[in-house]
N, C-alpha and C. Protein backbone atom coordinates (compact mmCIF):
# COMPACT_ATOMS: atom_id res chain seq x y z
N MET A 1 -5.13 -5.60 17.38
CA MET A 1 -5.22 -4.28 16.79
C MET A 1 -6.43 -4.24 15.87
N THR A 2 -7.25 -3.25 16.00
CA THR A 2 -8.40 -3.08 15.13
C THR A 2 -8.25 -1.77 14.39
N ASN A 3 -8.27 -1.83 13.09
CA ASN A 3 -8.19 -0.63 12.27
C ASN A 3 -9.56 -0.34 11.71
N GLY A 4 -9.88 0.92 11.54
CA GLY A 4 -11.07 1.29 10.81
C GLY A 4 -12.33 1.26 11.63
N PRO A 5 -13.46 1.52 10.95
CA PRO A 5 -14.75 1.62 11.60
C PRO A 5 -15.30 0.26 12.00
N ALA A 6 -16.44 0.30 12.66
CA ALA A 6 -17.08 -0.93 13.14
C ALA A 6 -17.35 -1.89 11.99
N ALA A 7 -17.31 -3.16 12.32
CA ALA A 7 -17.48 -4.22 11.33
C ALA A 7 -18.80 -4.12 10.58
N SER A 8 -19.79 -3.43 11.13
CA SER A 8 -21.09 -3.35 10.49
C SER A 8 -21.14 -2.38 9.32
N ASP A 9 -20.09 -1.63 9.08
CA ASP A 9 -20.11 -0.61 8.04
C ASP A 9 -18.86 -0.67 7.17
N PRO A 10 -18.72 -1.72 6.34
CA PRO A 10 -17.50 -1.85 5.53
C PRO A 10 -17.31 -0.72 4.54
N GLY A 11 -18.38 -0.05 4.12
CA GLY A 11 -18.25 1.05 3.18
C GLY A 11 -17.50 2.24 3.74
N GLU A 12 -17.28 2.27 5.05
CA GLU A 12 -16.56 3.36 5.69
C GLU A 12 -15.06 3.11 5.79
N LEU A 13 -14.59 1.97 5.28
CA LEU A 13 -13.15 1.71 5.27
C LEU A 13 -12.44 2.77 4.45
N ARG A 14 -11.24 3.12 4.89
CA ARG A 14 -10.39 4.06 4.18
C ARG A 14 -9.07 3.37 3.85
N LEU A 15 -8.32 3.95 2.94
CA LEU A 15 -7.07 3.36 2.50
C LEU A 15 -6.13 3.09 3.67
N GLY A 16 -6.11 3.96 4.65
CA GLY A 16 -5.25 3.78 5.82
C GLY A 16 -5.59 2.56 6.66
N ASP A 17 -6.75 1.96 6.44
CA ASP A 17 -7.14 0.75 7.15
C ASP A 17 -6.46 -0.50 6.59
N PHE A 18 -5.71 -0.34 5.51
CA PHE A 18 -5.06 -1.46 4.83
C PHE A 18 -3.55 -1.32 4.95
N PRO A 19 -2.87 -2.27 5.60
CA PRO A 19 -1.43 -2.14 5.81
C PRO A 19 -0.60 -2.22 4.53
N VAL A 20 -1.12 -2.86 3.50
CA VAL A 20 -0.41 -2.97 2.22
C VAL A 20 -1.19 -2.17 1.19
N GLN A 21 -0.49 -1.35 0.41
CA GLN A 21 -1.15 -0.53 -0.61
C GLN A 21 -0.39 -0.66 -1.92
N ARG A 22 -1.11 -1.08 -2.96
CA ARG A 22 -0.47 -1.36 -4.25
C ARG A 22 -1.13 -0.53 -5.36
N PRO A 23 -0.40 0.42 -5.95
CA PRO A 23 -0.95 1.13 -7.11
C PRO A 23 -1.22 0.14 -8.24
N VAL A 24 -2.32 0.34 -8.93
CA VAL A 24 -2.67 -0.53 -10.06
C VAL A 24 -3.01 0.33 -11.27
N THR A 25 -2.81 -0.24 -12.43
CA THR A 25 -3.06 0.46 -13.68
C THR A 25 -4.18 -0.24 -14.44
N THR A 26 -5.05 0.57 -14.98
CA THR A 26 -6.11 0.02 -15.83
C THR A 26 -5.79 0.33 -17.29
N ARG A 27 -6.55 -0.30 -18.15
CA ARG A 27 -6.36 -0.11 -19.60
C ARG A 27 -7.68 0.36 -20.21
N TRP A 28 -7.59 0.97 -21.35
CA TRP A 28 -8.77 1.42 -22.08
C TRP A 28 -9.76 0.26 -22.24
N SER A 29 -9.26 -0.92 -22.56
CA SER A 29 -10.12 -2.07 -22.81
C SER A 29 -10.78 -2.60 -21.54
N ASP A 30 -10.40 -2.11 -20.36
CA ASP A 30 -11.03 -2.55 -19.11
C ASP A 30 -12.42 -1.95 -18.94
N ASN A 31 -12.70 -0.83 -19.62
CA ASN A 31 -14.03 -0.23 -19.55
C ASN A 31 -15.01 -1.07 -20.35
N ASP A 32 -16.22 -1.18 -19.83
CA ASP A 32 -17.24 -1.91 -20.58
C ASP A 32 -18.13 -0.93 -21.35
N MET A 33 -19.18 -1.43 -21.94
CA MET A 33 -20.02 -0.57 -22.78
C MET A 33 -20.72 0.55 -22.00
N TYR A 34 -20.74 0.44 -20.67
CA TYR A 34 -21.35 1.47 -19.83
C TYR A 34 -20.35 2.53 -19.40
N GLY A 35 -19.08 2.39 -19.81
CA GLY A 35 -18.07 3.40 -19.54
C GLY A 35 -17.37 3.26 -18.20
N HIS A 36 -17.55 2.13 -17.51
CA HIS A 36 -16.82 1.91 -16.26
C HIS A 36 -16.14 0.54 -16.32
N LEU A 37 -15.28 0.27 -15.34
CA LEU A 37 -14.55 -0.99 -15.35
C LEU A 37 -15.52 -2.17 -15.30
N ASN A 38 -15.28 -3.13 -16.16
CA ASN A 38 -16.06 -4.35 -16.14
C ASN A 38 -15.82 -5.07 -14.82
N ASN A 39 -16.85 -5.72 -14.28
CA ASN A 39 -16.74 -6.39 -12.98
C ASN A 39 -15.56 -7.35 -12.91
N ALA A 40 -15.29 -8.08 -13.97
CA ALA A 40 -14.19 -9.05 -13.96
C ALA A 40 -12.84 -8.38 -13.76
N VAL A 41 -12.71 -7.12 -14.15
CA VAL A 41 -11.44 -6.41 -14.02
C VAL A 41 -11.08 -6.21 -12.55
N TYR A 42 -12.07 -6.00 -11.70
CA TYR A 42 -11.81 -5.85 -10.27
C TYR A 42 -11.09 -7.08 -9.74
N TYR A 43 -11.54 -8.26 -10.14
CA TYR A 43 -10.91 -9.51 -9.69
C TYR A 43 -9.47 -9.60 -10.20
N GLU A 44 -9.24 -9.16 -11.42
CA GLU A 44 -7.87 -9.16 -11.97
C GLU A 44 -6.98 -8.22 -11.16
N LEU A 45 -7.50 -7.06 -10.81
CA LEU A 45 -6.72 -6.10 -10.02
C LEU A 45 -6.40 -6.67 -8.64
N PHE A 46 -7.38 -7.30 -8.00
CA PHE A 46 -7.16 -7.90 -6.68
C PHE A 46 -6.13 -9.02 -6.76
N ASP A 47 -6.27 -9.88 -7.75
CA ASP A 47 -5.35 -11.01 -7.93
C ASP A 47 -3.93 -10.49 -8.17
N SER A 48 -3.80 -9.47 -9.01
CA SER A 48 -2.48 -8.89 -9.28
C SER A 48 -1.88 -8.22 -8.05
N ALA A 49 -2.71 -7.58 -7.23
CA ALA A 49 -2.21 -6.93 -6.02
C ALA A 49 -1.65 -7.97 -5.05
N ILE A 50 -2.38 -9.05 -4.83
CA ILE A 50 -1.93 -10.10 -3.90
C ILE A 50 -0.65 -10.74 -4.43
N ASN A 51 -0.68 -11.19 -5.67
CA ASN A 51 0.47 -11.92 -6.21
C ASN A 51 1.68 -11.03 -6.44
N GLY A 52 1.46 -9.78 -6.81
CA GLY A 52 2.58 -8.85 -6.96
C GLY A 52 3.25 -8.57 -5.62
N TRP A 53 2.45 -8.38 -4.58
CA TRP A 53 2.98 -8.15 -3.23
C TRP A 53 3.80 -9.35 -2.78
N GLN A 54 3.26 -10.54 -2.96
CA GLN A 54 3.99 -11.74 -2.56
C GLN A 54 5.28 -11.90 -3.37
N ALA A 55 5.19 -11.69 -4.67
CA ALA A 55 6.37 -11.87 -5.53
C ALA A 55 7.49 -10.90 -5.18
N GLU A 56 7.15 -9.70 -4.74
CA GLU A 56 8.17 -8.71 -4.37
C GLU A 56 8.89 -9.06 -3.08
N HIS A 57 8.25 -9.86 -2.22
CA HIS A 57 8.80 -10.11 -0.88
C HIS A 57 9.18 -11.56 -0.59
N VAL A 58 8.66 -12.48 -1.37
CA VAL A 58 8.89 -13.90 -1.11
C VAL A 58 9.22 -14.57 -2.44
N ALA A 59 10.30 -15.33 -2.46
CA ALA A 59 10.66 -16.05 -3.68
C ALA A 59 9.68 -17.21 -3.87
N ILE A 60 8.81 -17.08 -4.86
CA ILE A 60 7.83 -18.11 -5.17
C ILE A 60 8.01 -18.51 -6.62
N ASP A 61 8.15 -19.80 -6.85
CA ASP A 61 8.23 -20.32 -8.21
C ASP A 61 7.13 -21.36 -8.38
N PRO A 62 6.02 -20.98 -9.00
CA PRO A 62 4.88 -21.90 -9.10
C PRO A 62 5.19 -23.18 -9.88
N LEU A 63 6.28 -23.18 -10.65
CA LEU A 63 6.62 -24.38 -11.42
C LEU A 63 7.45 -25.39 -10.62
N THR A 64 8.18 -24.89 -9.60
CA THR A 64 9.06 -25.81 -8.86
C THR A 64 8.79 -25.89 -7.37
N ASP A 65 8.06 -24.95 -6.79
CA ASP A 65 7.79 -24.99 -5.35
C ASP A 65 6.95 -26.22 -5.00
N PRO A 66 7.18 -26.80 -3.83
CA PRO A 66 6.40 -27.97 -3.43
C PRO A 66 4.95 -27.65 -3.05
N THR A 67 4.66 -26.35 -2.85
CA THR A 67 3.28 -25.95 -2.56
C THR A 67 2.86 -24.83 -3.50
N GLN A 68 1.56 -24.65 -3.60
CA GLN A 68 0.99 -23.61 -4.46
C GLN A 68 -0.20 -22.98 -3.74
N GLY A 69 -0.38 -21.69 -3.94
CA GLY A 69 -1.56 -21.02 -3.41
C GLY A 69 -2.65 -21.00 -4.46
N VAL A 70 -3.84 -21.46 -4.10
CA VAL A 70 -4.97 -21.44 -5.03
C VAL A 70 -6.12 -20.65 -4.41
N VAL A 71 -6.91 -20.04 -5.24
CA VAL A 71 -8.06 -19.28 -4.77
C VAL A 71 -9.20 -20.26 -4.51
N ALA A 72 -9.64 -20.32 -3.26
CA ALA A 72 -10.74 -21.20 -2.89
C ALA A 72 -12.07 -20.45 -2.85
N GLU A 73 -11.99 -19.12 -2.72
CA GLU A 73 -13.22 -18.32 -2.61
C GLU A 73 -12.88 -16.88 -2.95
N SER A 74 -13.80 -16.21 -3.61
CA SER A 74 -13.61 -14.78 -3.87
C SER A 74 -14.98 -14.12 -4.00
N GLY A 75 -14.98 -12.83 -3.78
CA GLY A 75 -16.20 -12.06 -3.92
C GLY A 75 -15.88 -10.58 -3.94
N CYS A 76 -16.87 -9.77 -4.31
CA CYS A 76 -16.66 -8.33 -4.38
C CYS A 76 -17.97 -7.61 -4.13
N THR A 77 -17.91 -6.58 -3.31
CA THR A 77 -19.03 -5.68 -3.10
C THR A 77 -18.65 -4.35 -3.74
N PHE A 78 -19.51 -3.84 -4.60
CA PHE A 78 -19.23 -2.62 -5.33
C PHE A 78 -19.95 -1.45 -4.66
N PHE A 79 -19.20 -0.36 -4.44
CA PHE A 79 -19.76 0.82 -3.79
C PHE A 79 -19.90 2.01 -4.75
N ALA A 80 -18.98 2.11 -5.71
CA ALA A 80 -19.02 3.23 -6.67
C ALA A 80 -18.25 2.84 -7.92
N GLU A 81 -18.61 3.44 -9.03
CA GLU A 81 -17.94 3.15 -10.30
C GLU A 81 -16.55 3.77 -10.35
N VAL A 82 -15.67 3.10 -11.07
CA VAL A 82 -14.40 3.68 -11.48
C VAL A 82 -14.20 3.32 -12.94
N ALA A 83 -13.38 4.10 -13.61
CA ALA A 83 -13.18 3.89 -15.04
C ALA A 83 -11.75 4.27 -15.43
N PHE A 84 -11.27 3.65 -16.50
CA PHE A 84 -10.02 4.07 -17.11
C PHE A 84 -10.20 5.52 -17.54
N PRO A 85 -9.24 6.39 -17.29
CA PRO A 85 -7.88 6.21 -16.86
C PRO A 85 -7.63 6.56 -15.39
N ALA A 86 -8.64 6.50 -14.54
CA ALA A 86 -8.45 6.89 -13.14
C ALA A 86 -7.32 6.09 -12.50
N PRO A 87 -6.38 6.77 -11.84
CA PRO A 87 -5.31 6.05 -11.14
C PRO A 87 -5.89 5.41 -9.87
N LEU A 88 -5.63 4.14 -9.69
CA LEU A 88 -6.23 3.39 -8.58
C LEU A 88 -5.16 2.79 -7.69
N VAL A 89 -5.58 2.42 -6.49
CA VAL A 89 -4.73 1.70 -5.56
C VAL A 89 -5.57 0.63 -4.88
N VAL A 90 -4.97 -0.54 -4.70
CA VAL A 90 -5.62 -1.63 -3.97
C VAL A 90 -4.98 -1.70 -2.59
N GLY A 91 -5.83 -1.58 -1.56
CA GLY A 91 -5.40 -1.80 -0.19
C GLY A 91 -5.61 -3.27 0.13
N LEU A 92 -4.64 -3.86 0.81
CA LEU A 92 -4.69 -5.29 1.12
C LEU A 92 -4.48 -5.48 2.61
N ARG A 93 -5.28 -6.36 3.18
CA ARG A 93 -5.11 -6.74 4.58
C ARG A 93 -5.52 -8.19 4.76
N VAL A 94 -4.92 -8.86 5.71
CA VAL A 94 -5.25 -10.24 6.02
C VAL A 94 -6.15 -10.22 7.24
N VAL A 95 -7.37 -10.75 7.10
CA VAL A 95 -8.33 -10.75 8.20
C VAL A 95 -8.43 -12.10 8.89
N ARG A 96 -7.86 -13.13 8.28
CA ARG A 96 -7.78 -14.45 8.92
C ARG A 96 -6.56 -15.17 8.37
N LEU A 97 -5.78 -15.71 9.29
CA LEU A 97 -4.60 -16.46 8.91
C LEU A 97 -4.69 -17.82 9.58
N GLY A 98 -4.89 -18.85 8.77
CA GLY A 98 -4.99 -20.21 9.28
C GLY A 98 -3.69 -20.96 9.07
N SER A 99 -3.73 -22.26 9.31
CA SER A 99 -2.51 -23.06 9.14
C SER A 99 -2.17 -23.26 7.67
N SER A 100 -3.21 -23.33 6.81
CA SER A 100 -2.95 -23.54 5.38
C SER A 100 -3.67 -22.52 4.50
N SER A 101 -4.25 -21.49 5.11
CA SER A 101 -5.00 -20.53 4.30
C SER A 101 -4.88 -19.11 4.84
N ALA A 102 -5.20 -18.17 3.97
CA ALA A 102 -5.25 -16.76 4.34
C ALA A 102 -6.49 -16.15 3.70
N THR A 103 -7.19 -15.33 4.47
CA THR A 103 -8.34 -14.60 3.96
C THR A 103 -7.98 -13.12 3.90
N TYR A 104 -8.10 -12.56 2.71
CA TYR A 104 -7.75 -11.17 2.46
C TYR A 104 -9.02 -10.33 2.32
N GLN A 105 -8.90 -9.07 2.67
CA GLN A 105 -9.82 -8.04 2.23
C GLN A 105 -9.02 -7.10 1.36
N LEU A 106 -9.65 -6.68 0.28
CA LEU A 106 -8.98 -5.82 -0.70
C LEU A 106 -9.88 -4.63 -0.99
N GLY A 107 -9.39 -3.46 -0.70
CA GLY A 107 -10.15 -2.24 -0.96
C GLY A 107 -9.63 -1.55 -2.20
N LEU A 108 -10.54 -1.13 -3.06
CA LEU A 108 -10.16 -0.39 -4.27
C LEU A 108 -10.51 1.08 -4.07
N PHE A 109 -9.51 1.94 -4.28
CA PHE A 109 -9.64 3.37 -4.06
C PHE A 109 -9.02 4.13 -5.21
N LEU A 110 -9.42 5.40 -5.38
CA LEU A 110 -8.64 6.31 -6.22
C LEU A 110 -7.31 6.51 -5.51
N ASP A 111 -6.23 6.53 -6.27
CA ASP A 111 -4.91 6.68 -5.68
C ASP A 111 -4.70 8.15 -5.31
N PRO A 112 -4.61 8.46 -4.02
CA PRO A 112 -4.48 9.87 -3.61
C PRO A 112 -3.16 10.50 -4.05
N GLU A 113 -2.16 9.69 -4.35
CA GLU A 113 -0.87 10.24 -4.77
C GLU A 113 -0.80 10.49 -6.27
N ARG A 114 -1.69 9.89 -7.05
CA ARG A 114 -1.63 10.04 -8.50
C ARG A 114 -2.90 10.66 -9.08
N SER A 115 -3.89 10.93 -8.26
CA SER A 115 -5.16 11.45 -8.76
C SER A 115 -5.30 12.93 -8.45
N ALA A 116 -5.83 13.66 -9.41
CA ALA A 116 -6.11 15.07 -9.20
C ALA A 116 -7.36 15.25 -8.33
N GLU A 117 -8.22 14.22 -8.32
CA GLU A 117 -9.46 14.26 -7.56
C GLU A 117 -9.21 13.77 -6.14
N VAL A 118 -9.72 14.49 -5.15
CA VAL A 118 -9.63 14.05 -3.76
C VAL A 118 -10.92 13.30 -3.44
N ASP A 119 -10.78 11.98 -3.26
CA ASP A 119 -11.94 11.14 -3.00
C ASP A 119 -11.48 9.93 -2.19
N PRO A 120 -11.66 9.97 -0.87
CA PRO A 120 -11.17 8.88 -0.02
C PRO A 120 -12.11 7.67 0.05
N ASP A 121 -13.24 7.72 -0.64
CA ASP A 121 -14.26 6.68 -0.49
C ASP A 121 -13.86 5.36 -1.13
N LEU A 122 -14.21 4.28 -0.45
CA LEU A 122 -14.02 2.93 -0.95
C LEU A 122 -14.89 2.71 -2.18
N LYS A 123 -14.29 2.22 -3.25
CA LYS A 123 -15.02 1.96 -4.50
C LYS A 123 -15.52 0.52 -4.58
N ALA A 124 -14.72 -0.41 -4.04
CA ALA A 124 -15.10 -1.82 -4.04
C ALA A 124 -14.34 -2.51 -2.92
N LEU A 125 -14.96 -3.54 -2.35
CA LEU A 125 -14.32 -4.32 -1.30
C LEU A 125 -14.32 -5.78 -1.72
N GLY A 126 -13.12 -6.31 -1.92
CA GLY A 126 -12.96 -7.70 -2.32
C GLY A 126 -12.71 -8.60 -1.13
N HIS A 127 -13.10 -9.85 -1.31
CA HIS A 127 -12.91 -10.92 -0.32
C HIS A 127 -12.22 -12.05 -1.06
N TRP A 128 -11.09 -12.53 -0.54
CA TRP A 128 -10.27 -13.49 -1.27
C TRP A 128 -9.72 -14.50 -0.28
N VAL A 129 -9.87 -15.78 -0.56
CA VAL A 129 -9.29 -16.83 0.29
C VAL A 129 -8.31 -17.63 -0.55
N HIS A 130 -7.06 -17.64 -0.10
CA HIS A 130 -6.02 -18.48 -0.71
C HIS A 130 -5.81 -19.68 0.19
N VAL A 131 -5.75 -20.86 -0.40
CA VAL A 131 -5.39 -22.07 0.33
C VAL A 131 -4.10 -22.60 -0.27
N GLU A 132 -3.15 -22.89 0.61
CA GLU A 132 -1.89 -23.47 0.16
C GLU A 132 -2.10 -24.98 0.03
N ILE A 133 -1.71 -25.51 -1.13
CA ILE A 133 -1.87 -26.94 -1.37
C ILE A 133 -0.53 -27.57 -1.77
N SER A 134 -0.43 -28.87 -1.56
CA SER A 134 0.73 -29.61 -2.04
C SER A 134 0.65 -29.69 -3.56
N ALA A 135 1.77 -29.42 -4.21
CA ALA A 135 1.80 -29.48 -5.68
C ALA A 135 1.59 -30.90 -6.19
N THR A 136 1.90 -31.89 -5.38
CA THR A 136 1.75 -33.29 -5.83
C THR A 136 0.41 -33.88 -5.45
N THR A 137 -0.03 -33.70 -4.20
CA THR A 137 -1.29 -34.33 -3.76
C THR A 137 -2.51 -33.46 -4.02
N ARG A 138 -2.29 -32.15 -4.21
CA ARG A 138 -3.36 -31.18 -4.42
C ARG A 138 -4.27 -31.04 -3.20
N ARG A 139 -3.77 -31.39 -2.03
CA ARG A 139 -4.50 -31.28 -0.77
C ARG A 139 -3.92 -30.12 0.04
N PRO A 140 -4.69 -29.55 0.98
CA PRO A 140 -4.17 -28.46 1.80
C PRO A 140 -2.85 -28.83 2.48
N HIS A 141 -1.97 -27.83 2.55
CA HIS A 141 -0.63 -28.00 3.10
C HIS A 141 -0.32 -26.76 3.93
N PRO A 142 0.39 -26.89 5.04
CA PRO A 142 0.73 -25.71 5.85
C PRO A 142 1.44 -24.63 5.02
N LEU A 143 1.13 -23.38 5.33
CA LEU A 143 1.79 -22.26 4.66
C LEU A 143 3.30 -22.33 4.89
N PRO A 144 4.10 -22.13 3.85
CA PRO A 144 5.55 -22.07 4.06
C PRO A 144 5.90 -20.91 5.01
N ASP A 145 6.92 -21.10 5.83
CA ASP A 145 7.30 -20.09 6.82
C ASP A 145 7.53 -18.72 6.21
N ARG A 146 8.20 -18.64 5.06
CA ARG A 146 8.51 -17.35 4.44
C ARG A 146 7.23 -16.62 4.02
N LEU A 147 6.23 -17.37 3.58
CA LEU A 147 4.95 -16.77 3.20
C LEU A 147 4.16 -16.37 4.44
N ARG A 148 4.13 -17.23 5.45
CA ARG A 148 3.42 -16.91 6.69
C ARG A 148 3.95 -15.62 7.30
N THR A 149 5.27 -15.45 7.31
CA THR A 149 5.87 -14.24 7.87
C THR A 149 5.38 -13.00 7.12
N LEU A 150 5.33 -13.08 5.81
CA LEU A 150 4.83 -11.95 5.03
C LEU A 150 3.36 -11.68 5.34
N LEU A 151 2.55 -12.72 5.35
CA LEU A 151 1.12 -12.56 5.62
C LEU A 151 0.88 -11.95 7.00
N GLU A 152 1.67 -12.35 7.97
CA GLU A 152 1.52 -11.81 9.33
C GLU A 152 1.72 -10.31 9.35
N SER A 153 2.54 -9.78 8.44
CA SER A 153 2.78 -8.33 8.40
C SER A 153 1.56 -7.54 7.95
N ALA A 154 0.56 -8.22 7.41
CA ALA A 154 -0.64 -7.54 6.91
C ALA A 154 -1.89 -7.91 7.70
N VAL A 155 -1.73 -8.64 8.80
CA VAL A 155 -2.90 -9.08 9.58
C VAL A 155 -3.47 -7.89 10.36
N VAL A 156 -4.78 -7.75 10.31
CA VAL A 156 -5.52 -6.84 11.18
C VAL A 156 -6.45 -7.72 11.99
N GLU A 157 -6.30 -7.68 13.28
CA GLU A 157 -7.06 -8.56 14.16
C GLU A 157 -8.37 -7.91 14.58
N GLY A 158 -9.36 -8.78 14.76
CA GLY A 158 -10.64 -8.33 15.30
C GLY A 158 -11.47 -7.48 14.36
N ASP A 159 -11.20 -7.52 13.08
CA ASP A 159 -11.91 -6.65 12.13
C ASP A 159 -12.12 -7.41 10.84
N SER A 160 -13.04 -8.34 10.83
CA SER A 160 -13.21 -9.21 9.66
C SER A 160 -14.41 -8.85 8.82
N ARG A 161 -14.67 -7.56 8.69
CA ARG A 161 -15.80 -7.09 7.90
C ARG A 161 -16.08 -8.01 6.76
């Protein structure tokens, strides 16, 4: 299944291209001196969207589970500014699912259900790689079945912009 426009134009992604959608809240302190969200805040929003989604659907206890998900790679392409108090939503999709890792794309949009402004344009596109590791050896470990099942629900095939 391929969702969205051709891989050569990631800026044309829309919220509907992401199977998981998570409303996120910003704070006054997230704005920087230029009046828009500081770049680091985007990473916090992406991290919270991934971990919140997982926590709602899969029982994960980072203190006692035999495996842990760690971020091995991340990045962000910025398309337009956003600022507090704009209501936002993070779209999440899995573009690669390996034996011990998952690669996410995360789109940041104005939330169409909470915003007075109609603006379907992608504001930022995040790239995130989680690797599951053994809590004891700290080496890659196969994804637990319960997590793999959840990740499979967000896979979009053939579209790894």
